[in-house]
């Protein structure tokens, strides 16, 4: 039967959005979704967020979506009503394990592979990418690649300072000019004295861990968020590792109960 239905709009926070320059004659906005856990509703969420964004920002006349999975096994089997969109040229799906076999090796593919590289291998792989940035002809500024690479490193090593990451990559000076480094300065990450530096690292660790948890298990209740903010630096680092295996809020609650029983 035909009827009028009221649809309530949920508030979204979209993290992986790349906006075009203000003077671009054909502005295209890119949406990037990195999915490391099984989620049968990933495409429901992605396209809901995408089209709400386009509705509220009609100045963007074109869009592209990139979905990155560690392996094809994590992609939903039933894509349902989104099959036409997924088969269109506007949506690209990448499976990182398959990309390891892709030749010739490119900087863009290397960045995606870096996401799932082990922490032990990550620094060396990142330095290899930086060397390739200097050797390859790229369709975009090398500073863009450096910024994306540094952002990836920040997420993989959330409790290292920006300066420590820069030294790890051999970019101690040039990295200070990137946007991510400057944002770190604004929140006090790079304090000039030891106490301020430690406080800045703890604050930055809290911000990144909370952001990762919100993406993994959904919006955190205030009580759980307060418990996380009360964690010392060493426990924050342990949580940053453990959350990769979380599937829901119960996993987080169990971890906090085990590792912070006094709360």
C-alpha atoms as a PDB file:
ATOM      1  CA  UNK A   1       0.000   0.000   0.000  1.00  0.00           C
ATOM      2  CA  UNK A   2       1.020   3.601  -0.563  1.00  0.00           C
ATOM      3  CA  UNK A   3       1.636   5.726   2.515  1.00  0.00           C
ATOM      4  CA  UNK A   4       3.672   8.660   3.803  1.00  0.00           C
ATOM      5  CA  UNK A   5       6.513   7.654   6.125  1.00  0.00           C
ATOM      6  CA  UNK A   6       8.582   9.938   8.325  1.00  0.00           C
ATOM      7  CA  UNK A   7      12.280   9.037   8.244  1.00  0.00           C
ATOM      8  CA  UNK A   8      14.326  10.204  11.203  1.00  0.00           C
ATOM      9  CA  UNK A   9      17.844  11.324  10.352  1.00  0.00           C
ATOM     10  CA  UNK A  10      20.677  10.015  12.490  1.00  0.00           C
ATOM     11  CA  UNK A  11      23.685  12.209  13.207  1.00  0.00           C
ATOM     12  CA  UNK A  12      26.810  10.873  11.465  1.00  0.00           C
ATOM     13  CA  UNK A  13      30.497  11.498  12.008  1.00  0.00           C
ATOM     14  CA  UNK A  14      32.360  10.758   8.783  1.00  0.00           C
ATOM     15  CA  UNK A  15      36.122  10.469   9.315  1.00  0.00           C
ATOM     16  CA  UNK A  16      37.419   9.394   5.903  1.00  0.00           C
ATOM     17  CA  UNK A  17      36.465  12.331   3.673  1.00  0.00           C
ATOM     18  CA  UNK A  18      38.883  13.976   1.238  1.00  0.00           C
ATOM     19  CA  UNK A  19      37.627  17.319  -0.049  1.00  0.00           C
ATOM     20  CA  UNK A  20      38.814  18.928  -3.311  1.00  0.00           C
ATOM     21  CA  UNK A  21      40.527  22.337  -3.496  1.00  0.00           C
ATOM     22  CA  UNK A  22      38.168  25.300  -3.280  1.00  0.00           C
ATOM     23  CA  UNK A  23      38.931  26.408  -6.859  1.00  0.00           C
ATOM     24  CA  UNK A  24      38.470  22.972  -8.473  1.00  0.00           C
ATOM     25  CA  UNK A  25      36.204  23.422 -11.551  1.00  0.00           C
ATOM     26  CA  UNK A  26      34.862  19.848 -11.219  1.00  0.00           C
ATOM     27  CA  UNK A  27      34.906  19.176  -7.469  1.00  0.00           C
ATOM     28  CA  UNK A  28      34.976  15.511  -6.522  1.00  0.00           C
ATOM     29  CA  UNK A  29      34.743  14.401  -2.900  1.00  0.00           C
ATOM     30  CA  UNK A  30      36.303  11.071  -1.893  1.00  0.00           C
ATOM     31  CA  UNK A  31      34.910   8.858   0.866  1.00  0.00           C
ATOM     32  CA  UNK A  32      37.324   6.266   2.274  1.00  0.00           C
ATOM     33  CA  UNK A  33      36.166   3.405   4.500  1.00  0.00           C
ATOM     34  CA  UNK A  34      38.722   1.054   6.072  1.00  0.00           C
ATOM     35  CA  UNK A  35      37.011  -2.065   7.443  1.00  0.00           C
ATOM     36  CA  UNK A  36      39.057  -4.453   9.588  1.00  0.00           C
ATOM     37  CA  UNK A  37      36.207  -6.309  11.287  1.00  0.00           C
ATOM     38  CA  UNK A  38      33.276  -8.268   9.906  1.00  0.00           C
ATOM     39  CA  UNK A  39      30.301  -5.937   9.505  1.00  0.00           C
ATOM     40  CA  UNK A  40      27.305  -7.024   7.451  1.00  0.00           C
ATOM     41  CA  UNK A  41      25.920  -3.469   7.553  1.00  0.00           C
ATOM     42  CA  UNK A  42      29.014  -1.644   6.340  1.00  0.00           C
ATOM     43  CA  UNK A  43      27.442  -0.613   3.023  1.00  0.00           C
ATOM     44  CA  UNK A  44      24.221   0.491   4.724  1.00  0.00           C
ATOM     45  CA  UNK A  45      26.269   2.832   6.888  1.00  0.00           C
ATOM     46  CA  UNK A  46      28.653   4.004   4.162  1.00  0.00           C
ATOM     47  CA  UNK A  47      26.004   4.989   1.627  1.00  0.00           C
ATOM     48  CA  UNK A  48      23.711   6.495   4.258  1.00  0.00           C
ATOM     49  CA  UNK A  49      26.536   8.772   5.418  1.00  0.00           C
ATOM     50  CA  UNK A  50      27.652   9.478   1.860  1.00  0.00           C
ATOM     51  CA  UNK A  51      24.290  10.615   0.529  1.00  0.00           C
ATOM     52  CA  UNK A  52      23.383  12.617   3.628  1.00  0.00           C
ATOM     53  CA  UNK A  53      26.690  14.455   3.170  1.00  0.00           C
ATOM     54  CA  UNK A  54      25.953  15.143  -0.505  1.00  0.00           C
ATOM     55  CA  UNK A  55      22.461  16.360   0.354  1.00  0.00           C
ATOM     56  CA  UNK A  56      23.893  18.848   2.828  1.00  0.00           C
ATOM     57  CA  UNK A  57      26.788  19.861   0.543  1.00  0.00           C
ATOM     58  CA  UNK A  58      25.288  20.257  -2.953  1.00  0.00           C
ATOM     59  CA  UNK A  59      28.348  22.168  -4.180  1.00  0.00           C
ATOM     60  CA  UNK A  60      30.107  18.838  -4.753  1.00  0.00           C
ATOM     61  CA  UNK A  61      29.081  17.653  -8.200  1.00  0.00           C
ATOM     62  CA  UNK A  62      30.806  14.270  -8.148  1.00  0.00           C
ATOM     63  CA  UNK A  63      31.874  11.633  -5.667  1.00  0.00           C
ATOM     64  CA  UNK A  64      34.032   8.538  -5.378  1.00  0.00           C
ATOM     65  CA  UNK A  65      34.045   5.912  -2.631  1.00  0.00           C
ATOM     66  CA  UNK A  66      36.969   3.666  -1.708  1.00  0.00           C
ATOM     67  CA  UNK A  67      36.417   0.675   0.582  1.00  0.00           C
ATOM     68  CA  UNK A  68      39.470  -1.149   1.932  1.00  0.00           C
ATOM     69  CA  UNK A  69      39.347  -4.645   3.452  1.00  0.00           C
ATOM     70  CA  UNK A  70      42.321  -6.679   4.719  1.00  0.00           C
ATOM     71  CA  UNK A  71      40.934  -9.627   2.747  1.00  0.00           C
ATOM     72  CA  UNK A  72      37.901 -10.474   0.624  1.00  0.00           C
ATOM     73  CA  UNK A  73      36.553 -12.759   3.364  1.00  0.00           C
ATOM     74  CA  UNK A  74      35.533  -9.719   5.445  1.00  0.00           C
ATOM     75  CA  UNK A  75      33.282  -8.255   2.763  1.00  0.00           C
ATOM     76  CA  UNK A  76      29.545  -8.916   3.292  1.00  0.00           C
ATOM     77  CA  UNK A  77      28.244 -11.767   1.156  1.00  0.00           C
ATOM     78  CA  UNK A  78      24.848 -10.147   0.605  1.00  0.00           C
ATOM     79  CA  UNK A  79      25.234  -6.609  -0.756  1.00  0.00           C
ATOM     80  CA  UNK A  80      21.504  -6.403  -1.437  1.00  0.00           C
ATOM     81  CA  UNK A  81      20.198  -3.071  -2.678  1.00  0.00           C
ATOM     82  CA  UNK A  82      23.717  -1.667  -3.121  1.00  0.00           C
ATOM     83  CA  UNK A  83      24.873  -4.042  -5.863  1.00  0.00           C
ATOM     84  CA  UNK A  84      24.464  -1.467  -8.665  1.00  0.00           C
ATOM     85  CA  UNK A  85      26.427   1.141  -6.728  1.00  0.00           C
ATOM     86  CA  UNK A  86      29.194  -1.326  -5.914  1.00  0.00           C
ATOM     87  CA  UNK A  87      29.506  -2.317  -9.563  1.00  0.00           C
ATOM     88  CA  UNK A  88      29.680   1.301 -10.732  1.00  0.00           C
ATOM     89  CA  UNK A  89      32.857   3.222 -11.538  1.00  0.00           C
ATOM     90  CA  UNK A  90      32.248   5.453  -8.514  1.00  0.00           C
ATOM     91  CA  UNK A  91      33.010   2.731  -5.967  1.00  0.00           C
ATOM     92  CA  UNK A  92      36.378   0.983  -5.717  1.00  0.00           C
ATOM     93  CA  UNK A  93      36.989  -1.971  -3.394  1.00  0.00           C
ATOM     94  CA  UNK A  94      40.499  -3.063  -2.413  1.00  0.00           C
ATOM     95  CA  UNK A  95      41.668  -6.209  -0.613  1.00  0.00           C
ATOM     96  CA  UNK A  96      45.075  -5.630   0.907  1.00  0.00           C
ATOM     97  CA  UNK A  97      46.255  -9.248   0.874  1.00  0.00           C
ATOM     98  CA  UNK A  98      45.606  -9.392  -2.863  1.00  0.00           C
ATOM     99  CA  UNK A  99      47.419  -6.092  -3.397  1.00  0.00           C
ATOM    100  CA  UNK A 100      50.653  -7.631  -2.091  1.00  0.00           C
ATOM    101  CA  UNK A 101      50.909  -9.472  -5.414  1.00  0.00           C
ATOM    102  CA  UNK A 102      50.207  -6.417  -7.563  1.00  0.00           C
ATOM    103  CA  UNK A 103      53.016  -5.327  -9.887  1.00  0.00           C
ATOM    104  CA  UNK A 104      54.400  -2.832 -10.590  1.00  0.00           C
ATOM    105  CA  UNK A 105      54.470  -1.632  -7.002  1.00  0.00           C
ATOM    106  CA  UNK A 106      53.045   1.866  -6.535  1.00  0.00           C
ATOM    107  CA  UNK A 107      53.136   4.370  -3.678  1.00  0.00           C
ATOM    108  CA  UNK A 108      49.337   4.371  -3.393  1.00  0.00           C
ATOM    109  CA  UNK A 109      49.174   0.585  -3.062  1.00  0.00           C
ATOM    110  CA  UNK A 110      52.071   0.726  -0.614  1.00  0.00           C
ATOM    111  CA  UNK A 111      50.141   3.119   1.606  1.00  0.00           C
ATOM    112  CA  UNK A 112      47.220   0.704   1.761  1.00  0.00           C
ATOM    113  CA  UNK A 113      49.523  -2.224   2.512  1.00  0.00           C
ATOM    114  CA  UNK A 114      51.115  -0.212   5.304  1.00  0.00           C
ATOM    115  CA  UNK A 115      47.776  -0.161   7.134  1.00  0.00           C
ATOM    116  CA  UNK A 116      47.863  -3.921   7.756  1.00  0.00           C
ATOM    117  CA  UNK A 117      51.627  -4.368   8.081  1.00  0.00           C
ATOM    118  CA  UNK A 118      52.854  -5.613  11.461  1.00  0.00           C
ATOM    119  CA  UNK A 119      54.221  -2.978  13.819  1.00  0.00           C
ATOM    120  CA  UNK A 120      57.642  -4.602  13.553  1.00  0.00           C
ATOM    121  CA  UNK A 121      57.691  -4.214   9.766  1.00  0.00           C
ATOM    122  CA  UNK A 122      55.907  -0.859   9.574  1.00  0.00           C
ATOM    123  CA  UNK A 123      58.867   1.544  10.083  1.00  0.00           C
ATOM    124  CA  UNK A 124      60.990  -0.112   7.377  1.00  0.00           C
ATOM    125  CA  UNK A 125      58.037  -0.283   4.962  1.00  0.00           C
ATOM    126  CA  UNK A 126      57.282   3.380   5.611  1.00  0.00           C
ATOM    127  CA  UNK A 127      60.874   4.408   4.871  1.00  0.00           C
ATOM    128  CA  UNK A 128      60.752   2.403   1.629  1.00  0.00           C
ATOM    129  CA  UNK A 129      57.623   4.311   0.639  1.00  0.00           C
ATOM    130  CA  UNK A 130      59.296   7.642   1.340  1.00  0.00           C
ATOM    131  CA  UNK A 131      62.177   6.658  -0.923  1.00  0.00           C
ATOM    132  CA  UNK A 132      59.714   5.756  -3.679  1.00  0.00           C
ATOM    133  CA  UNK A 133      57.942   9.104  -3.319  1.00  0.00           C
ATOM    134  CA  UNK A 134      61.208  10.730  -4.400  1.00  0.00           C
ATOM    135  CA  UNK A 135      61.681   8.331  -7.329  1.00  0.00           C
ATOM    136  CA  UNK A 136      58.190   8.011  -8.807  1.00  0.00           C
ATOM    137  CA  UNK A 137      56.296  10.559 -10.860  1.00  0.00           C
ATOM    138  CA  UNK A 138      53.069  11.200  -8.955  1.00  0.00           C
ATOM    139  CA  UNK A 139      49.845  12.927 -10.097  1.00  0.00           C
ATOM    140  CA  UNK A 140      49.712  14.833  -6.802  1.00  0.00           C
ATOM    141  CA  UNK A 141      52.196  16.673  -4.551  1.00  0.00           C
ATOM    142  CA  UNK A 142      54.642  14.493  -2.622  1.00  0.00           C
ATOM    143  CA  UNK A 143      53.656  16.421   0.515  1.00  0.00           C
ATOM    144  CA  UNK A 144      50.203  14.810   0.266  1.00  0.00           C
ATOM    145  CA  UNK A 145      51.726  11.320   0.381  1.00  0.00           C
ATOM    146  CA  UNK A 146      53.992  12.274   3.286  1.00  0.00           C
ATOM    147  CA  UNK A 147      51.002  13.602   5.220  1.00  0.00           C
ATOM    148  CA  UNK A 148      48.949  10.459   4.561  1.00  0.00           C
ATOM    149  CA  UNK A 149      51.895   8.288   5.547  1.00  0.00           C
ATOM    150  CA  UNK A 150      52.422  10.193   8.770  1.00  0.00           C
ATOM    151  CA  UNK A 151      48.712   9.977   9.597  1.00  0.00           C
ATOM    152  CA  UNK A 152      48.873   6.204   9.119  1.00  0.00           C
ATOM    153  CA  UNK A 153      51.877   6.011  11.445  1.00  0.00           C
ATOM    154  CA  UNK A 154      50.076   8.077  14.079  1.00  0.00           C
ATOM    155  CA  UNK A 155      47.194   5.612  14.084  1.00  0.00           C
ATOM    156  CA  UNK A 156      49.517   2.602  14.241  1.00  0.00           C
ATOM    157  CA  UNK A 157      51.654   4.115  17.011  1.00  0.00           C
ATOM    158  CA  UNK A 158      49.137   6.293  18.901  1.00  0.00           C
ATOM    159  CA  UNK A 159      51.345   6.812  21.946  1.00  0.00           C
ATOM    160  CA  UNK A 160      54.444   8.004  20.097  1.00  0.00           C
ATOM    161  CA  UNK A 161      54.910  11.736  19.750  1.00  0.00           C
ATOM    162  CA  UNK A 162      54.943  13.332  16.291  1.00  0.00           C
ATOM    163  CA  UNK A 163      58.645  14.075  16.750  1.00  0.00           C
ATOM    164  CA  UNK A 164      59.386  10.433  17.582  1.00  0.00           C
ATOM    165  CA  UNK A 165      57.501   9.300  14.477  1.00  0.00           C
ATOM    166  CA  UNK A 166      59.412  11.861  12.417  1.00  0.00           C
ATOM    167  CA  UNK A 167      62.728  10.543  13.729  1.00  0.00           C
ATOM    168  CA  UNK A 168      61.607   6.963  13.016  1.00  0.00           C
ATOM    169  CA  UNK A 169      61.028   7.947   9.391  1.00  0.00           C
ATOM    170  CA  UNK A 170      64.005  10.277   9.035  1.00  0.00           C
ATOM    171  CA  UNK A 171      61.744  13.315   8.620  1.00  0.00           C
ATOM    172  CA  UNK A 172      62.558  15.217  11.779  1.00  0.00           C
ATOM    173  CA  UNK A 173      62.483  18.610  10.060  1.00  0.00           C
ATOM    174  CA  UNK A 174      60.196  18.361   7.014  1.00  0.00           C
ATOM    175  CA  UNK A 175      57.404  16.638   8.924  1.00  0.00           C
ATOM    176  CA  UNK A 176      57.025  19.697  11.155  1.00  0.00           C
ATOM    177  CA  UNK A 177      55.373  21.477   8.233  1.00  0.00           C
ATOM    178  CA  UNK A 178      52.565  18.929   7.800  1.00  0.00           C
ATOM    179  CA  UNK A 179      49.007  19.581   8.940  1.00  0.00           C
ATOM    180  CA  UNK A 180      48.944  16.570  11.267  1.00  0.00           C
ATOM    181  CA  UNK A 181      52.099  17.710  13.046  1.00  0.00           C
ATOM    182  CA  UNK A 182      50.718  21.217  13.481  1.00  0.00           C
ATOM    183  CA  UNK A 183      47.489  19.823  14.956  1.00  0.00           C
ATOM    184  CA  UNK A 184      49.630  17.905  17.412  1.00  0.00           C
ATOM    185  CA  UNK A 185      51.271  21.134  18.481  1.00  0.00           C
ATOM    186  CA  UNK A 186      47.898  22.746  19.097  1.00  0.00           C
ATOM    187  CA  UNK A 187      46.901  20.141  21.677  1.00  0.00           C
ATOM    188  CA  UNK A 188      50.220  20.323  23.473  1.00  0.00           C
ATOM    189  CA  UNK A 189      51.831  17.145  22.213  1.00  0.00           C
ATOM    190  CA  UNK A 190      55.230  18.735  21.674  1.00  0.00           C
ATOM    191  CA  UNK A 191      55.765  20.512  24.990  1.00  0.00           C
ATOM    192  CA  UNK A 192      59.226  21.907  25.585  1.00  0.00           C
ATOM    193  CA  UNK A 193      59.663  20.301  29.018  1.00  0.00           C
ATOM    194  CA  UNK A 194      59.387  16.691  30.182  1.00  0.00           C
ATOM    195  CA  UNK A 195      56.199  17.054  32.211  1.00  0.00           C
ATOM    196  CA  UNK A 196      54.356  18.858  29.446  1.00  0.00           C
ATOM    197  CA  UNK A 197      55.584  16.336  26.895  1.00  0.00           C
ATOM    198  CA  UNK A 198      54.299  13.400  28.958  1.00  0.00           C
ATOM    199  CA  UNK A 199      50.927  15.080  29.488  1.00  0.00           C
ATOM    200  CA  UNK A 200      50.699  15.862  25.792  1.00  0.00           C
ATOM    201  CA  UNK A 201      51.426  12.257  24.829  1.00  0.00           C
ATOM    202  CA  UNK A 202      48.794  10.984  27.255  1.00  0.00           C
ATOM    203  CA  UNK A 203      46.193  13.424  25.941  1.00  0.00           C
ATOM    204  CA  UNK A 204      46.970  12.543  22.340  1.00  0.00           C
ATOM    205  CA  UNK A 205      46.836   8.844  23.175  1.00  0.00           C
ATOM    206  CA  UNK A 206      43.395   9.280  24.717  1.00  0.00           C
ATOM    207  CA  UNK A 207      42.098  11.156  21.673  1.00  0.00           C
ATOM    208  CA  UNK A 208      43.328   8.560  19.177  1.00  0.00           C
ATOM    209  CA  UNK A 209      42.262   5.521  21.216  1.00  0.00           C
ATOM    210  CA  UNK A 210      38.783   6.977  21.778  1.00  0.00           C
ATOM    211  CA  UNK A 211      38.456   7.755  18.076  1.00  0.00           C
ATOM    212  CA  UNK A 212      39.481   4.223  17.111  1.00  0.00           C
ATOM    213  CA  UNK A 213      37.058   2.730  19.642  1.00  0.00           C
ATOM    214  CA  UNK A 214      34.173   4.833  18.332  1.00  0.00           C
ATOM    215  CA  UNK A 215      34.800   3.443  14.867  1.00  0.00           C
ATOM    216  CA  UNK A 216      35.208  -0.137  16.077  1.00  0.00           C
ATOM    217  CA  UNK A 217      32.391  -0.568  18.603  1.00  0.00           C
ATOM    218  CA  UNK A 218      30.233   2.545  18.240  1.00  0.00           C
ATOM    219  CA  UNK A 219      29.601   5.570  20.440  1.00  0.00           C
ATOM    220  CA  UNK A 220      30.996   5.038  23.939  1.00  0.00           C
ATOM    221  CA  UNK A 221      28.842   5.613  27.035  1.00  0.00           C
ATOM    222  CA  UNK A 222      30.188   8.442  29.242  1.00  0.00           C
ATOM    223  CA  UNK A 223      31.123   5.965  31.995  1.00  0.00           C
ATOM    224  CA  UNK A 224      33.381   3.925  29.718  1.00  0.00           C
ATOM    225  CA  UNK A 225      34.910   7.068  28.215  1.00  0.00           C
ATOM    226  CA  UNK A 226      35.752   8.333  31.707  1.00  0.00           C
ATOM    227  CA  UNK A 227      37.406   5.021  32.582  1.00  0.00           C
ATOM    228  CA  UNK A 228      39.554   5.217  29.456  1.00  0.00           C
ATOM    229  CA  UNK A 229      40.610   8.791  30.202  1.00  0.00           C
ATOM    230  CA  UNK A 230      41.692   7.656  33.670  1.00  0.00           C
ATOM    231  CA  UNK A 231      44.054   5.008  32.291  1.00  0.00           C
ATOM    232  CA  UNK A 232      47.805   5.601  32.683  1.00  0.00           C
ATOM    233  CA  UNK A 233      49.951   5.827  29.582  1.00  0.00           C
ATOM    234  CA  UNK A 234      51.109   2.195  29.652  1.00  0.00           C
ATOM    235  CA  UNK A 235      47.514   0.921  29.857  1.00  0.00           C
ATOM    236  CA  UNK A 236      46.459   3.207  27.008  1.00  0.00           C
ATOM    237  CA  UNK A 237      49.146   1.598  24.881  1.00  0.00           C
ATOM    238  CA  UNK A 238      47.874  -1.883  25.797  1.00  0.00           C
ATOM    239  CA  UNK A 239      44.315  -0.825  24.941  1.00  0.00           C
ATOM    240  CA  UNK A 240      45.448   0.538  21.571  1.00  0.00           C
ATOM    241  CA  UNK A 241      46.723  -2.965  20.762  1.00  0.00           C
ATOM    242  CA  UNK A 242      43.777  -4.873  22.260  1.00  0.00           C
ATOM    243  CA  UNK A 243      41.008  -2.871  20.556  1.00  0.00           C
ATOM    244  CA  UNK A 244      41.946  -4.349  17.179  1.00  0.00           C
ATOM    245  CA  UNK A 245      40.214  -7.553  18.317  1.00  0.00           C
ATOM    246  CA  UNK A 246      37.115  -5.894  19.819  1.00  0.00           C
ATOM    247  CA  UNK A 247      33.749  -6.510  18.170  1.00  0.00           C
ATOM    248  CA  UNK A 248      31.383  -4.678  20.534  1.00  0.00           C
ATOM    249  CA  UNK A 249      31.109  -2.679  23.752  1.00  0.00           C
ATOM    250  CA  UNK A 250      31.075  -5.865  25.840  1.00  0.00           C
ATOM    251  CA  UNK A 251      34.625  -6.624  24.708  1.00  0.00           C
ATOM    252  CA  UNK A 252      35.740  -3.157  25.807  1.00  0.00           C
ATOM    253  CA  UNK A 253      33.936  -3.441  29.166  1.00  0.00           C
ATOM    254  CA  UNK A 254      35.531  -6.829  29.827  1.00  0.00           C
ATOM    255  CA  UNK A 255      38.993  -5.458  29.015  1.00  0.00           C
ATOM    256  CA  UNK A 256      38.525  -2.460  31.313  1.00  0.00           C
ATOM    257  CA  UNK A 257      37.236  -4.681  34.130  1.00  0.00           C
ATOM    258  CA  UNK A 258      40.271  -6.931  33.793  1.00  0.00           C
ATOM    259  CA  UNK A 259      42.884  -4.200  33.413  1.00  0.00           C
ATOM    260  CA  UNK A 260      41.409  -1.462  35.589  1.00  0.00           C
ATOM    261  CA  UNK A 261      39.413  -3.279  38.301  1.00  0.00           C
ATOM    262  CA  UNK A 262      39.456  -0.315  40.668  1.00  0.00           C
ATOM    263  CA  UNK A 263      37.103   1.677  38.415  1.00  0.00           C
END
